[in-house]
N, C-alpha and C. Protein backbone atom coordinates (compact mmCIF):
# COMPACT_ATOMS: atom_id res chain seq x y z
N MET A 1 12.78 22.10 -25.07
CA MET A 1 13.20 23.14 -23.99
C MET A 1 12.87 22.50 -22.63
N ASN A 2 13.69 22.59 -21.71
CA ASN A 2 13.80 21.99 -20.28
C ASN A 2 13.10 23.13 -19.59
N SER A 3 12.22 22.67 -18.94
CA SER A 3 11.53 23.55 -17.73
C SER A 3 12.05 23.63 -16.53
N GLY A 4 12.87 22.52 -16.17
CA GLY A 4 13.66 22.44 -14.78
C GLY A 4 13.02 21.69 -14.13
N TYR A 5 11.74 21.36 -14.26
CA TYR A 5 10.95 20.49 -13.43
C TYR A 5 10.98 19.17 -13.62
N GLY A 6 11.08 18.44 -12.20
CA GLY A 6 11.23 17.09 -12.27
C GLY A 6 9.74 16.26 -12.51
N LYS A 7 10.14 15.01 -12.10
CA LYS A 7 8.82 14.18 -12.36
C LYS A 7 8.23 13.80 -10.60
N VAL A 8 7.12 13.66 -10.69
CA VAL A 8 6.46 12.85 -9.37
C VAL A 8 5.89 11.42 -9.80
N TYR A 9 6.35 10.32 -8.74
CA TYR A 9 5.53 9.33 -9.17
C TYR A 9 4.82 8.47 -7.95
N LEU A 10 4.08 7.97 -8.10
CA LEU A 10 3.59 7.28 -6.77
C LEU A 10 3.19 6.01 -6.89
N VAL A 11 3.82 5.42 -5.94
CA VAL A 11 4.29 4.03 -6.07
C VAL A 11 3.72 3.10 -4.77
N GLY A 12 2.99 2.15 -4.97
CA GLY A 12 2.38 1.55 -3.61
C GLY A 12 3.16 0.34 -3.39
N SER A 13 3.14 0.10 -2.07
CA SER A 13 4.23 -0.76 -1.63
C SER A 13 3.55 -1.97 -1.76
N GLY A 14 2.14 -2.67 -2.26
CA GLY A 14 1.47 -3.61 -1.70
C GLY A 14 1.49 -3.99 -0.89
N PRO A 15 2.00 -5.40 -0.24
CA PRO A 15 1.31 -6.20 1.16
C PRO A 15 2.63 -5.82 1.80
N GLY A 16 3.60 -5.01 1.44
CA GLY A 16 4.85 -4.86 2.41
C GLY A 16 5.98 -5.50 2.19
N ASP A 17 5.95 -6.65 1.27
CA ASP A 17 7.20 -7.25 1.21
C ASP A 17 7.96 -6.80 -0.05
N PRO A 18 9.37 -6.51 -0.02
CA PRO A 18 10.01 -5.76 -0.99
C PRO A 18 9.97 -6.89 -1.98
N GLU A 19 10.21 -8.25 -1.88
CA GLU A 19 10.06 -8.89 -3.12
C GLU A 19 8.69 -8.84 -4.00
N LEU A 20 7.86 -8.44 -3.52
CA LEU A 20 6.62 -8.17 -4.11
C LEU A 20 6.53 -6.99 -4.95
N LEU A 21 7.55 -6.09 -4.88
CA LEU A 21 7.54 -4.69 -5.59
C LEU A 21 7.53 -5.27 -7.17
N THR A 22 6.57 -4.26 -7.83
CA THR A 22 6.88 -4.71 -9.06
C THR A 22 7.99 -4.35 -9.70
N ILE A 23 8.74 -4.46 -10.76
CA ILE A 23 9.87 -4.16 -11.52
C ILE A 23 10.23 -2.66 -11.55
N LYS A 24 9.06 -2.17 -12.13
CA LYS A 24 9.19 -0.85 -12.49
C LYS A 24 9.09 0.01 -10.90
N ALA A 25 8.67 -0.66 -10.02
CA ALA A 25 8.18 0.35 -8.46
C ALA A 25 9.93 0.28 -8.08
N ARG A 26 10.50 -0.98 -8.06
CA ARG A 26 11.84 -1.13 -7.49
C ARG A 26 12.71 -0.39 -8.37
N LYS A 27 12.67 0.18 -9.71
CA LYS A 27 13.71 0.94 -10.65
C LYS A 27 13.33 2.34 -10.03
N LEU A 28 11.98 2.43 -10.27
CA LEU A 28 11.63 4.17 -9.59
C LEU A 28 12.39 4.54 -8.06
N ILE A 29 12.28 3.58 -7.03
CA ILE A 29 12.71 3.69 -6.04
C ILE A 29 13.96 4.02 -5.85
N ASP A 30 14.78 2.88 -6.44
CA ASP A 30 16.43 2.88 -6.42
C ASP A 30 16.83 4.22 -7.33
N ASN A 31 16.51 4.84 -8.14
CA ASN A 31 16.78 5.72 -8.84
C ASN A 31 16.24 6.95 -8.57
N ALA A 32 15.46 7.00 -7.46
CA ALA A 32 14.95 8.24 -6.79
C ALA A 32 15.90 9.46 -6.48
N GLU A 33 15.63 10.50 -6.43
CA GLU A 33 16.62 11.75 -5.56
C GLU A 33 15.94 12.02 -4.54
N VAL A 34 14.59 11.71 -4.46
CA VAL A 34 13.68 12.42 -3.05
C VAL A 34 12.71 10.97 -2.82
N ILE A 35 12.39 10.50 -1.56
CA ILE A 35 11.69 9.72 -1.36
C ILE A 35 10.58 10.22 -0.65
N VAL A 36 9.27 10.37 -0.68
CA VAL A 36 8.48 11.15 0.58
C VAL A 36 7.50 9.78 0.77
N TYR A 37 7.27 9.15 2.15
CA TYR A 37 6.25 8.22 2.29
C TYR A 37 5.46 8.46 3.49
N ASP A 38 4.41 7.59 3.88
CA ASP A 38 3.62 7.81 4.77
C ASP A 38 4.00 6.77 5.60
N GLN A 39 2.76 6.46 6.45
CA GLN A 39 3.17 5.09 7.53
C GLN A 39 2.82 4.13 6.75
N LEU A 40 2.23 3.62 5.47
CA LEU A 40 1.73 2.92 4.95
C LEU A 40 2.68 1.55 4.57
N PRO A 41 3.98 1.88 4.14
CA PRO A 41 5.13 1.08 3.76
C PRO A 41 5.53 0.09 4.95
N GLY A 42 5.76 -1.22 4.72
CA GLY A 42 6.10 -1.94 6.12
C GLY A 42 7.74 -1.73 6.18
N GLU A 43 8.28 -2.01 7.43
CA GLU A 43 9.75 -1.81 7.87
C GLU A 43 10.37 -2.59 6.79
N ALA A 44 10.10 -3.57 6.30
CA ALA A 44 10.97 -4.32 5.50
C ALA A 44 11.29 -3.68 4.02
N ILE A 45 10.02 -2.94 3.66
CA ILE A 45 10.29 -2.01 2.60
C ILE A 45 11.07 -0.80 2.92
N LEU A 46 10.80 0.02 4.02
CA LEU A 46 11.40 1.04 4.10
C LEU A 46 12.97 0.70 4.41
N GLN A 47 13.49 -0.53 4.83
CA GLN A 47 14.89 -0.99 5.15
C GLN A 47 15.36 -1.44 3.64
N SER A 48 14.37 -1.46 2.46
CA SER A 48 15.14 -1.92 1.41
C SER A 48 15.36 -0.69 0.10
N MET A 49 15.17 0.16 0.88
CA MET A 49 15.32 1.39 0.15
C MET A 49 16.84 2.01 0.06
N PRO A 50 16.91 2.46 -0.60
CA PRO A 50 18.44 3.04 -0.67
C PRO A 50 19.00 4.23 0.29
N GLU A 51 20.32 4.05 0.83
CA GLU A 51 20.31 5.33 1.52
C GLU A 51 20.91 6.45 1.11
N THR A 52 20.68 7.58 1.06
CA THR A 52 21.52 8.79 0.71
C THR A 52 22.72 9.59 1.26
């Protein structure tokens, strides 16, 4: 039965270098329909996120 609900993942950005994200974190970010973030990710992380 499909309830129509999606999933929410919390992904830490570590020290702010996109090359230091885990493989799982990178996959989740690249495949996300929506990304909600606060002031913690560095500019390099934000720039590495896919545009919609």
